[in-house]
Amino acid sequence: MDNVSNPIIIDQEYCPHNLCKIDKPSLIKISNVSVKNIRGTSYSPEVVTFVCSSSKPCENVQIGDIHLTYNGTLGPATIKCANVKPTLFGTQNIQLCAPTPQSNA
């Protein structure tokens, strides 16, 4: 990725132009997601967003080998996570969502 906006995004609270009501959580279940080998730069400070439904949290999310940098001047790169506990593997140059370390068993 080269200078993209929001490089990694899953957002179940998305509300374009603030024209919708998000008083009820999504009933869509997101599961079995793998995000790996992502490298590049972002022109938006929020480089990773995993905002899942509070009524149906994301399950079996695996994230690995993520190397993203923010090129702007609005502060450091940020991560936004809710209702997800991914399994991390490989290396990351940014602190991701509350990790569940991969077992070597």
PDB file of N, CA and C in Angstrom:
ATOM      1  N   MET A   1       0.845  -1.174   0.000  1.00  0.00           N
ATOM      2  CA  MET A   1       0.000   0.000   0.000  1.00  0.00           C
ATOM      3  C   MET A   1       0.887   1.234   0.000  1.00  0.00           C
ATOM      4  N   ASP A   2       0.482   2.226  -0.736  1.00  0.00           N
ATOM      5  CA  ASP A   2       1.279   3.439  -0.807  1.00  0.00           C
ATOM      6  C   ASP A   2       0.391   4.653  -0.567  1.00  0.00           C
ATOM      7  N   ASN A   3       0.508   5.237   0.629  1.00  0.00           N
ATOM      8  CA  ASN A   3      -0.184   6.467   0.988  1.00  0.00           C
ATOM      9  C   ASN A   3      -1.713   6.351   0.845  1.00  0.00           C
ATOM     10  N   VAL A   4      -2.288   5.295   1.427  1.00  0.00           N
ATOM     11  CA  VAL A   4      -3.734   5.054   1.349  1.00  0.00           C
ATOM     12  C   VAL A   4      -4.445   5.592   2.589  1.00  0.00           C
ATOM     13  N   SER A   5      -5.748   5.693   2.525  1.00  0.00           N
ATOM     14  CA  SER A   5      -6.562   6.090   3.666  1.00  0.00           C
ATOM     15  C   SER A   5      -7.135   4.832   4.309  1.00  0.00           C
ATOM     16  N   ASN A   6      -7.002   4.716   5.622  1.00  0.00           N
ATOM     17  CA  ASN A   6      -7.538   3.575   6.375  1.00  0.00           C
ATOM     18  C   ASN A   6      -7.100   2.236   5.783  1.00  0.00           C
ATOM     19  N   PRO A   7      -5.828   1.889   5.890  1.00  0.00           N
ATOM     20  CA  PRO A   7      -5.321   0.669   5.252  1.00  0.00           C
ATOM     21  C   PRO A   7      -6.044  -0.622   5.641  1.00  0.00           C
ATOM     22  N   ILE A   8      -6.368  -0.800   6.913  1.00  0.00           N
ATOM     23  CA  ILE A   8      -7.070  -2.005   7.356  1.00  0.00           C
ATOM     24  C   ILE A   8      -8.310  -1.544   8.113  1.00  0.00           C
ATOM     25  N   ILE A   9      -9.501  -1.922   7.619  1.00  0.00           N
ATOM     26  CA  ILE A   9     -10.716  -1.455   8.276  1.00  0.00           C
ATOM     27  C   ILE A   9     -11.854  -2.478   8.204  1.00  0.00           C
ATOM     28  N   ILE A  10     -12.355  -2.826   9.366  1.00  0.00           N
ATOM     29  CA  ILE A  10     -13.626  -3.534   9.536  1.00  0.00           C
ATOM     30  C   ILE A  10     -14.365  -2.699  10.570  1.00  0.00           C
ATOM     31  N   ASP A  11     -15.478  -2.101  10.194  1.00  0.00           N
ATOM     32  CA  ASP A  11     -16.185  -1.187  11.093  1.00  0.00           C
ATOM     33  C   ASP A  11     -17.678  -1.443  11.030  1.00  0.00           C
ATOM     34  N   GLN A  12     -18.204  -2.124  12.047  1.00  0.00           N
ATOM     35  CA  GLN A  12     -19.632  -2.419  12.099  1.00  0.00           C
ATOM     36  C   GLN A  12     -20.442  -1.284  12.719  1.00  0.00           C
ATOM     37  N   GLU A  13     -19.788  -0.166  12.997  1.00  0.00           N
ATOM     38  CA  GLU A  13     -20.493   1.021  13.468  1.00  0.00           C
ATOM     39  C   GLU A  13     -20.384   2.148  12.440  1.00  0.00           C
ATOM     40  N   TYR A  14     -20.037   1.803  11.220  1.00  0.00           N
ATOM     41  CA  TYR A  14     -19.864   2.793  10.153  1.00  0.00           C
ATOM     42  C   TYR A  14     -21.173   3.538   9.915  1.00  0.00           C
ATOM     43  N   CYS A  15     -21.091   4.835   9.874  1.00  0.00           N
ATOM     44  CA  CYS A  15     -22.266   5.674   9.664  1.00  0.00           C
ATOM     45  C   CYS A  15     -21.844   6.869   8.818  1.00  0.00           C
ATOM     46  N   PRO A  16     -21.968   6.762   7.495  1.00  0.00           N
ATOM     47  CA  PRO A  16     -21.500   7.854   6.645  1.00  0.00           C
ATOM     48  C   PRO A  16     -22.295   9.136   6.856  1.00  0.00           C
ATOM     49  N   HIS A  17     -21.584  10.225   6.961  1.00  0.00           N
ATOM     50  CA  HIS A  17     -22.165  11.566   7.066  1.00  0.00           C
ATOM     51  C   HIS A  17     -23.057  11.738   8.298  1.00  0.00           C
ATOM     52  N   ASN A  18     -22.919  10.847   9.302  1.00  0.00           N
ATOM     53  CA  ASN A  18     -23.718  10.908  10.535  1.00  0.00           C
ATOM     54  C   ASN A  18     -25.219  10.949  10.256  1.00  0.00           C
ATOM     55  N   LEU A  19     -25.666  10.214   9.246  1.00  0.00           N
ATOM     56  CA  LEU A  19     -27.079  10.204   8.876  1.00  0.00           C
ATOM     57  C   LEU A  19     -27.818   8.948   9.334  1.00  0.00           C
ATOM     58  N   CYS A  20     -27.183   8.134  10.150  1.00  0.00           N
ATOM     59  CA  CYS A  20     -27.836   6.902  10.583  1.00  0.00           C
ATOM     60  C   CYS A  20     -27.822   6.811  12.101  1.00  0.00           C
ATOM     61  N   LYS A  21     -28.615   5.885  12.600  1.00  0.00           N
ATOM     62  CA  LYS A  21     -28.684   5.661  14.040  1.00  0.00           C
ATOM     63  C   LYS A  21     -27.898   4.393  14.352  1.00  0.00           C
ATOM     64  N   ILE A  22     -26.985   4.505  15.294  1.00  0.00           N
ATOM     65  CA  ILE A  22     -26.231   3.322  15.704  1.00  0.00           C
ATOM     66  C   ILE A  22     -26.569   2.962  17.148  1.00  0.00           C
ATOM     67  N   ASP A  23     -27.885   3.072  17.468  1.00  0.00           N
ATOM     68  CA  ASP A  23     -28.331   2.758  18.816  1.00  0.00           C
ATOM     69  C   ASP A  23     -28.468   1.256  19.039  1.00  0.00           C
ATOM     70  N   LYS A  24     -28.469   0.471  17.965  1.00  0.00           N
ATOM     71  CA  LYS A  24     -28.540  -0.978  18.075  1.00  0.00           C
ATOM     72  C   LYS A  24     -27.312  -1.573  17.394  1.00  0.00           C
ATOM     73  N   PRO A  25     -26.666  -2.540  18.055  1.00  0.00           N
ATOM     74  CA  PRO A  25     -25.485  -3.155  17.445  1.00  0.00           C
ATOM     75  C   PRO A  25     -25.852  -4.028  16.245  1.00  0.00           C
ATOM     76  N   SER A  26     -24.911  -4.204  15.375  1.00  0.00           N
ATOM     77  CA  SER A  26     -25.104  -5.056  14.211  1.00  0.00           C
ATOM     78  C   SER A  26     -25.372  -6.493  14.643  1.00  0.00           C
ATOM     79  N   LEU A  27     -26.216  -7.187  13.903  1.00  0.00           N
ATOM     80  CA  LEU A  27     -26.505  -8.596  14.172  1.00  0.00           C
ATOM     81  C   LEU A  27     -25.747  -9.510  13.220  1.00  0.00           C
ATOM     82  N   ILE A  28     -24.835  -8.943  12.454  1.00  0.00           N
ATOM     83  CA  ILE A  28     -24.006  -9.711  11.523  1.00  0.00           C
ATOM     84  C   ILE A  28     -22.769 -10.205  12.262  1.00  0.00           C
ATOM     85  N   LYS A  29     -22.505 -11.489  12.172  1.00  0.00           N
ATOM     86  CA  LYS A  29     -21.340 -12.095  12.810  1.00  0.00           C
ATOM     87  C   LYS A  29     -20.178 -12.118  11.822  1.00  0.00           C
ATOM     88  N   ILE A  30     -19.040 -11.527  12.208  1.00  0.00           N
ATOM     89  CA  ILE A  30     -17.823 -11.586  11.396  1.00  0.00           C
ATOM     90  C   ILE A  30     -16.891 -12.582  12.063  1.00  0.00           C
ATOM     91  N   SER A  31     -16.447 -13.572  11.290  1.00  0.00           N
ATOM     92  CA  SER A  31     -15.553 -14.596  11.854  1.00  0.00           C
ATOM     93  C   SER A  31     -14.646 -15.140  10.759  1.00  0.00           C
ATOM     94  N   ASN A  32     -13.595 -15.822  11.228  1.00  0.00           N
ATOM     95  CA  ASN A  32     -12.634 -16.470  10.332  1.00  0.00           C
ATOM     96  C   ASN A  32     -11.997 -15.479   9.355  1.00  0.00           C
ATOM     97  N   VAL A  33     -11.414 -14.420   9.931  1.00  0.00           N
ATOM     98  CA  VAL A  33     -10.764 -13.375   9.146  1.00  0.00           C
ATOM     99  C   VAL A  33      -9.252 -13.473   9.369  1.00  0.00           C
ATOM    100  N   SER A  34      -8.500 -13.426   8.292  1.00  0.00           N
ATOM    101  CA  SER A  34      -7.048 -13.431   8.377  1.00  0.00           C
ATOM    102  C   SER A  34      -6.514 -12.217   7.632  1.00  0.00           C
ATOM    103  N   VAL A  35      -5.739 -11.395   8.357  1.00  0.00           N
ATOM    104  CA  VAL A  35      -5.102 -10.219   7.766  1.00  0.00           C
ATOM    105  C   VAL A  35      -3.604 -10.424   7.934  1.00  0.00           C
ATOM    106  N   LYS A  36      -2.891 -10.554   6.815  1.00  0.00           N
ATOM    107  CA  LYS A  36      -1.467 -10.846   6.933  1.00  0.00           C
ATOM    108  C   LYS A  36      -0.677 -10.228   5.791  1.00  0.00           C
ATOM    109  N   ASN A  37       0.592 -10.013   6.091  1.00  0.00           N
ATOM    110  CA  ASN A  37       1.549  -9.495   5.108  1.00  0.00           C
ATOM    111  C   ASN A  37       1.107  -8.156   4.511  1.00  0.00           C
ATOM    112  N   ILE A  38       0.758  -7.219   5.378  1.00  0.00           N
ATOM    113  CA  ILE A  38       0.353  -5.886   4.938  1.00  0.00           C
ATOM    114  C   ILE A  38       1.507  -4.929   5.232  1.00  0.00           C
ATOM    115  N   ARG A  39       1.961  -4.230   4.203  1.00  0.00           N
ATOM    116  CA  ARG A  39       3.054  -3.283   4.329  1.00  0.00           C
ATOM    117  C   ARG A  39       2.711  -2.020   3.561  1.00  0.00           C
ATOM    118  N   GLY A  40       3.134  -0.887   4.122  1.00  0.00           N
ATOM    119  CA  GLY A  40       2.948   0.343   3.386  1.00  0.00           C
ATOM    120  C   GLY A  40       2.759   1.551   4.262  1.00  0.00           C
ATOM    121  N   THR A  41       2.195   2.607   3.652  1.00  0.00           N
ATOM    122  CA  THR A  41       2.020   3.878   4.329  1.00  0.00           C
ATOM    123  C   THR A  41       0.571   4.335   4.226  1.00  0.00           C
ATOM    124  N   SER A  42       0.184   5.153   5.202  1.00  0.00           N
ATOM    125  CA  SER A  42      -1.175   5.680   5.265  1.00  0.00           C
ATOM    126  C   SER A  42      -1.123   7.196   5.319  1.00  0.00           C
ATOM    127  N   TYR A  43      -2.067   7.866   4.661  1.00  0.00           N
ATOM    128  CA  TYR A  43      -2.157   9.314   4.816  1.00  0.00           C
ATOM    129  C   TYR A  43      -3.201   9.685   5.861  1.00  0.00           C
ATOM    130  N   SER A  44      -3.917   8.689   6.420  1.00  0.00           N
ATOM    131  CA  SER A  44      -4.825   8.937   7.543  1.00  0.00           C
ATOM    132  C   SER A  44      -4.190   8.345   8.799  1.00  0.00           C
ATOM    133  N   PRO A  45      -4.345   9.015   9.954  1.00  0.00           N
ATOM    134  CA  PRO A  45      -3.682   8.526  11.169  1.00  0.00           C
ATOM    135  C   PRO A  45      -4.213   7.182  11.670  1.00  0.00           C
ATOM    136  N   GLU A  46      -5.488   6.876  11.418  1.00  0.00           N
ATOM    137  CA  GLU A  46      -6.053   5.598  11.873  1.00  0.00           C
ATOM    138  C   GLU A  46      -5.689   4.517  10.862  1.00  0.00           C
ATOM    139  N   VAL A  47      -4.648   3.744  11.193  1.00  0.00           N
ATOM    140  CA  VAL A  47      -4.124   2.773  10.234  1.00  0.00           C
ATOM    141  C   VAL A  47      -4.789   1.405  10.348  1.00  0.00           C
ATOM    142  N   VAL A  48      -5.335   1.073  11.516  1.00  0.00           N
ATOM    143  CA  VAL A  48      -6.039  -0.201  11.695  1.00  0.00           C
ATOM    144  C   VAL A  48      -7.319   0.058  12.469  1.00  0.00           C
ATOM    145  N   THR A  49      -8.450  -0.421  11.926  1.00  0.00           N
ATOM    146  CA  THR A  49      -9.740  -0.338  12.602  1.00  0.00           C
ATOM    147  C   THR A  49     -10.390  -1.709  12.576  1.00  0.00           C
ATOM    148  N   PHE A  50     -10.641  -2.253  13.757  1.00  0.00           N
ATOM    149  CA  PHE A  50     -11.414  -3.480  13.918  1.00  0.00           C
ATOM    150  C   PHE A  50     -12.495  -3.174  14.949  1.00  0.00           C
ATOM    151  N   VAL A  51     -13.609  -2.619  14.505  1.00  0.00           N
ATOM    152  CA  VAL A  51     -14.718  -2.302  15.395  1.00  0.00           C
ATOM    153  C   VAL A  51     -15.843  -3.280  15.065  1.00  0.00           C
ATOM    154  N   CYS A  52     -15.980  -4.265  15.927  1.00  0.00           N
ATOM    155  CA  CYS A  52     -16.967  -5.318  15.716  1.00  0.00           C
ATOM    156  C   CYS A  52     -18.201  -5.060  16.568  1.00  0.00           C
ATOM    157  N   SER A  53     -19.255  -5.784  16.290  1.00  0.00           N
ATOM    158  CA  SER A  53     -20.531  -5.623  16.977  1.00  0.00           C
ATOM    159  C   SER A  53     -20.443  -6.036  18.442  1.00  0.00           C
ATOM    160  N   SER A  54     -21.069  -5.262  19.310  1.00  0.00           N
ATOM    161  CA  SER A  54     -21.089  -5.630  20.735  1.00  0.00           C
ATOM    162  C   SER A  54     -22.005  -6.824  20.983  1.00  0.00           C
ATOM    163  N   SER A  55     -22.988  -7.053  20.118  1.00  0.00           N
ATOM    164  CA  SER A  55     -23.883  -8.197  20.308  1.00  0.00           C
ATOM    165  C   SER A  55     -23.345  -9.463  19.643  1.00  0.00           C
ATOM    166  N   LYS A  56     -22.497  -9.306  18.647  1.00  0.00           N
ATOM    167  CA  LYS A  56     -21.899 -10.445  17.939  1.00  0.00           C
ATOM    168  C   LYS A  56     -20.421 -10.137  17.698  1.00  0.00           C
ATOM    169  N   PRO A  57     -19.577 -10.228  18.742  1.00  0.00           N
ATOM    170  CA  PRO A  57     -18.151  -9.896  18.582  1.00  0.00           C
ATOM    171  C   PRO A  57     -17.479 -10.734  17.488  1.00  0.00           C
ATOM    172  N   CYS A  58     -16.462 -10.175  16.874  1.00  0.00           N
ATOM    173  CA  CYS A  58     -15.697 -10.906  15.865  1.00  0.00           C
ATOM    174  C   CYS A  58     -15.001 -12.095  16.516  1.00  0.00           C
ATOM    175  N   GLU A  59     -14.942 -13.192  15.797  1.00  0.00           N
ATOM    176  CA  GLU A  59     -14.298 -14.406  16.298  1.00  0.00           C
ATOM    177  C   GLU A  59     -13.305 -14.935  15.281  1.00  0.00           C
ATOM    178  N   ASN A  60     -12.302 -15.611  15.799  1.00  0.00           N
ATOM    179  CA  ASN A  60     -11.273 -16.258  14.988  1.00  0.00           C
ATOM    180  C   ASN A  60     -10.644 -15.276  13.993  1.00  0.00           C
ATOM    181  N   VAL A  61     -10.156 -14.169  14.541  1.00  0.00           N
ATOM    182  CA  VAL A  61      -9.458 -13.166  13.738  1.00  0.00           C
ATOM    183  C   VAL A  61      -7.959 -13.358  13.943  1.00  0.00           C
ATOM    184  N   GLN A  62      -7.226 -13.495  12.865  1.00  0.00           N
ATOM    185  CA  GLN A  62      -5.780 -13.675  12.911  1.00  0.00           C
ATOM    186  C   GLN A  62      -5.115 -12.514  12.182  1.00  0.00           C
ATOM    187  N   ILE A  63      -4.134 -11.912  12.853  1.00  0.00           N
ATOM    188  CA  ILE A  63      -3.426 -10.768  12.281  1.00  0.00           C
ATOM    189  C   ILE A  63      -1.933 -11.032  12.381  1.00  0.00           C
ATOM    190  N   GLY A  64      -1.222 -10.878  11.262  1.00  0.00           N
ATOM    191  CA  GLY A  64       0.219 -11.107  11.317  1.00  0.00           C
ATOM    192  C   GLY A  64       1.006 -10.379  10.262  1.00  0.00           C
ATOM    193  N   ASP A  65       2.221 -10.079  10.625  1.00  0.00           N
ATOM    194  CA  ASP A  65       3.175  -9.421   9.725  1.00  0.00           C
ATOM    195  C   ASP A  65       2.596  -8.133   9.141  1.00  0.00           C
ATOM    196  N   ILE A  66       2.234  -7.214  10.053  1.00  0.00           N
ATOM    197  CA  ILE A  66       1.675  -5.924   9.673  1.00  0.00           C
ATOM    198  C   ILE A  66       2.732  -4.846   9.902  1.00  0.00           C
ATOM    199  N   HIS A  67       3.077  -4.136   8.857  1.00  0.00           N
ATOM    200  CA  HIS A  67       4.078  -3.076   8.934  1.00  0.00           C
ATOM    201  C   HIS A  67       3.541  -1.849   8.201  1.00  0.00           C
ATOM    202  N   LEU A  68       2.858  -0.980   8.966  1.00  0.00           N
ATOM    203  CA  LEU A  68       2.244   0.222   8.408  1.00  0.00           C
ATOM    204  C   LEU A  68       2.786   1.455   9.114  1.00  0.00           C
ATOM    205  N   THR A  69       2.980   2.526   8.371  1.00  0.00           N
ATOM    206  CA  THR A  69       3.404   3.791   8.959  1.00  0.00           C
ATOM    207  C   THR A  69       2.474   4.895   8.474  1.00  0.00           C
ATOM    208  N   TYR A  70       2.340   5.902   9.322  1.00  0.00           N
ATOM    209  CA  TYR A  70       1.525   7.065   9.005  1.00  0.00           C
ATOM    210  C   TYR A  70       2.443   8.182   8.542  1.00  0.00           C
ATOM    211  N   ASN A  71       2.153   8.771   7.390  1.00  0.00           N
ATOM    212  CA  ASN A  71       3.006   9.809   6.802  1.00  0.00           C
ATOM    213  C   ASN A  71       2.580  11.229   7.134  1.00  0.00           C
ATOM    214  N   GLY A  72       1.495  11.402   7.865  1.00  0.00           N
ATOM    215  CA  GLY A  72       0.968  12.740   8.101  1.00  0.00           C
ATOM    216  C   GLY A  72       1.563  13.437   9.304  1.00  0.00           C
ATOM    217  N   THR A  73       0.935  14.572   9.656  1.00  0.00           N
ATOM    218  CA  THR A  73       1.419  15.411  10.755  1.00  0.00           C
ATOM    219  C   THR A  73       0.402  15.527  11.887  1.00  0.00           C
ATOM    220  N   LEU A  74      -0.642  14.705  11.887  1.00  0.00           N
ATOM    221  CA  LEU A  74      -1.704  14.799  12.892  1.00  0.00           C
ATOM    222  C   LEU A  74      -1.435  13.948  14.131  1.00  0.00           C
ATOM    223  N   GLY A  75      -0.200  13.609  14.368  1.00  0.00           N
ATOM    224  CA  GLY A  75       0.151  12.794  15.526  1.00  0.00           C
ATOM    225  C   GLY A  75       0.600  11.418  15.092  1.00  0.00           C
ATOM    226  N   PRO A  76       0.687  10.492  16.038  1.00  0.00           N
ATOM    227  CA  PRO A  76       1.148   9.145  15.701  1.00  0.00           C
ATOM    228  C   PRO A  76       0.043   8.318  15.040  1.00  0.00           C
ATOM    229  N   ALA A  77       0.437   7.220  14.444  1.00  0.00           N
ATOM    230  CA  ALA A  77      -0.536   6.267  13.897  1.00  0.00           C
ATOM    231  C   ALA A  77      -1.398   5.747  15.036  1.00  0.00           C
ATOM    232  N   THR A  78      -2.689   5.515  14.756  1.00  0.00           N
ATOM    233  CA  THR A  78      -3.599   5.015  15.792  1.00  0.00           C
ATOM    234  C   THR A  78      -4.258   3.722  15.351  1.00  0.00           C
ATOM    235  N   ILE A  79      -4.687   2.982  16.351  1.00  0.00           N
ATOM    236  CA  ILE A  79      -5.372   1.705  16.162  1.00  0.00           C
ATOM    237  C   ILE A  79      -6.692   1.813  16.912  1.00  0.00           C
ATOM    238  N   LYS A  80      -7.779   1.371  16.303  1.00  0.00           N
ATOM    239  CA  LYS A  80      -9.078   1.384  16.969  1.00  0.00           C
ATOM    240  C   LYS A  80      -9.633  -0.032  16.943  1.00  0.00           C
ATOM    241  N   CYS A  81      -9.876  -0.591  18.142  1.00  0.00           N
ATOM    242  CA  CYS A  81     -10.387  -1.956  18.237  1.00  0.00           C
ATOM    243  C   CYS A  81     -11.527  -2.011  19.245  1.00  0.00           C
ATOM    244  N   ALA A  82     -12.539  -2.801  18.937  1.00  0.00           N
ATOM    245  CA  ALA A  82     -13.641  -3.032  19.865  1.00  0.00           C
ATOM    246  C   ALA A  82     -14.265  -4.386  19.562  1.00  0.00           C
ATOM    247  N   ASN A  83     -14.517  -5.140  20.596  1.00  0.00           N
ATOM    248  CA  ASN A  83     -15.205  -6.426  20.494  1.00  0.00           C
ATOM    249  C   ASN A  83     -14.494  -7.419  19.580  1.00  0.00           C
ATOM    250  N   VAL A  84     -13.163  -7.435  19.700  1.00  0.00           N
ATOM    251  CA  VAL A  84     -12.342  -8.381  18.946  1.00  0.00           C
ATOM    252  C   VAL A  84     -11.104  -8.692  19.774  1.00  0.00           C
ATOM    253  N   LYS A  85     -10.707  -9.958  19.778  1.00  0.00           N
ATOM    254  CA  LYS A  85      -9.481 -10.396  20.445  1.00  0.00           C
ATOM    255  C   LYS A  85      -8.723 -11.281  19.453  1.00  0.00           C
ATOM    256  N   PRO A  86      -7.942 -10.649  18.598  1.00  0.00           N
ATOM    257  CA  PRO A  86      -7.270 -11.418  17.549  1.00  0.00           C
ATOM    258  C   PRO A  86      -6.102 -12.244  18.073  1.00  0.00           C
ATOM    259  N   THR A  87      -5.787 -13.251  17.322  1.00  0.00           N
ATOM    260  CA  THR A  87      -4.562 -14.002  17.531  1.00  0.00           C
ATOM    261  C   THR A  87      -3.506 -13.336  16.657  1.00  0.00           C
ATOM    262  N   LEU A  88      -2.395 -12.952  17.274  1.00  0.00           N
ATOM    263  CA  LEU A  88      -1.319 -12.298  16.537  1.00  0.00           C
ATOM    264  C   LEU A  88      -0.234 -13.312  16.199  1.00  0.00           C
ATOM    265  N   PHE A  89       0.368 -13.154  15.023  1.00  0.00           N
ATOM    266  CA  PHE A  89       1.494 -14.001  14.640  1.00  0.00           C
ATOM    267  C   PHE A  89       2.471 -13.155  13.838  1.00  0.00           C
ATOM    268  N   GLY A  90       3.668 -13.641  13.685  1.00  0.00           N
ATOM    269  CA  GLY A  90       4.673 -12.896  12.942  1.00  0.00           C
ATOM    270  C   GLY A  90       5.085 -11.642  13.691  1.00  0.00           C
ATOM    271  N   THR A  91       5.394 -10.584  12.933  1.00  0.00           N
ATOM    272  CA  THR A  91       5.837  -9.336  13.542  1.00  0.00           C
ATOM    273  C   THR A  91       4.914  -8.200  13.144  1.00  0.00           C
ATOM    274  N   GLN A  92       4.856  -7.188  13.986  1.00  0.00           N
ATOM    275  CA  GLN A  92       4.085  -5.981  13.757  1.00  0.00           C
ATOM    276  C   GLN A  92       4.951  -4.793  14.149  1.00  0.00           C
ATOM    277  N   ASN A  93       4.875  -3.700  13.426  1.00  0.00           N
ATOM    278  CA  ASN A  93       5.615  -2.507  13.825  1.00  0.00           C
ATOM    279  C   ASN A  93       4.728  -1.544  14.614  1.00  0.00           C
ATOM    280  N   ILE A  94       3.460  -1.912  14.812  1.00  0.00           N
ATOM    281  CA  ILE A  94       2.520  -1.112  15.580  1.00  0.00           C
ATOM    282  C   ILE A  94       1.834  -2.006  16.608  1.00  0.00           C
ATOM    283  N   GLN A  95       1.424  -1.417  17.726  1.00  0.00           N
ATOM    284  CA  GLN A  95       0.711  -2.173  18.751  1.00  0.00           C
ATOM    285  C   GLN A  95      -0.722  -2.388  18.279  1.00  0.00           C
ATOM    286  N   LEU A  96      -1.103  -3.633  18.076  1.00  0.00           N
ATOM    287  CA  LEU A  96      -2.434  -3.941  17.568  1.00  0.00           C
ATOM    288  C   LEU A  96      -3.414  -4.185  18.702  1.00  0.00           C
ATOM    289  N   CYS A  97      -4.598  -4.647  18.359  1.00  0.00           N
ATOM    290  CA  CYS A  97      -5.663  -4.920  19.327  1.00  0.00           C
ATOM    291  C   CYS A  97      -5.170  -5.849  20.437  1.00  0.00           C
ATOM    292  N   ALA A  98      -5.891  -5.872  21.547  1.00  0.00           N
ATOM    293  CA  ALA A  98      -5.513  -6.711  22.683  1.00  0.00           C
ATOM    294  C   ALA A  98      -5.152  -8.109  22.186  1.00  0.00           C
ATOM    295  N   PRO A  99      -3.889  -8.459  22.241  1.00  0.00           N
ATOM    296  CA  PRO A  99      -3.446  -9.702  21.616  1.00  0.00           C
ATOM    297  C   PRO A  99      -3.729 -10.954  22.415  1.00  0.00           C
ATOM    298  N   THR A 100      -3.947 -12.033  21.677  1.00  0.00           N
ATOM    299  CA  THR A 100      -3.941 -13.376  22.211  1.00  0.00           C
ATOM    300  C   THR A 100      -2.757 -14.061  21.544  1.00  0.00           C
ATOM    301  N   PRO A 101      -1.604 -14.182  22.246  1.00  0.00           N
ATOM    302  CA  PRO A 101      -0.415 -14.724  21.580  1.00  0.00           C
ATOM    303  C   PRO A 101      -0.652 -16.122  21.030  1.00  0.00           C
ATOM    304  N   GLN A 102      -0.061 -16.383  19.875  1.00  0.00           N
ATOM    305  CA  GLN A 102      -0.186 -17.683  19.254  1.00  0.00           C
ATOM    306  C   GLN A 102       0.602 -18.710  20.050  1.00  0.00           C
ATOM    307  N   SER A 103       0.010 -19.848  20.267  1.00  0.00           N
ATOM    308  CA  SER A 103       0.650 -20.927  21.018  1.00  0.00           C
ATOM    309  C   SER A 103       1.609 -21.686  20.115  1.00  0.00           C
ATOM    310  N   ASN A 104       2.697 -22.159  20.692  1.00  0.00           N
ATOM    311  CA  ASN A 104       3.649 -22.986  19.962  1.00  0.00           C
ATOM    312  C   ASN A 104       3.461 -24.463  20.276  1.00  0.00           C
ATOM    313  N   ALA A 105       2.302 -24.836  20.749  1.00  0.00           N
ATOM    314  CA  ALA A 105       2.027 -26.213  21.155  1.00  0.00           C
ATOM    315  C   ALA A 105       1.910 -27.136  19.976  1.00  0.00           C
TER     316      ALA A 105
END
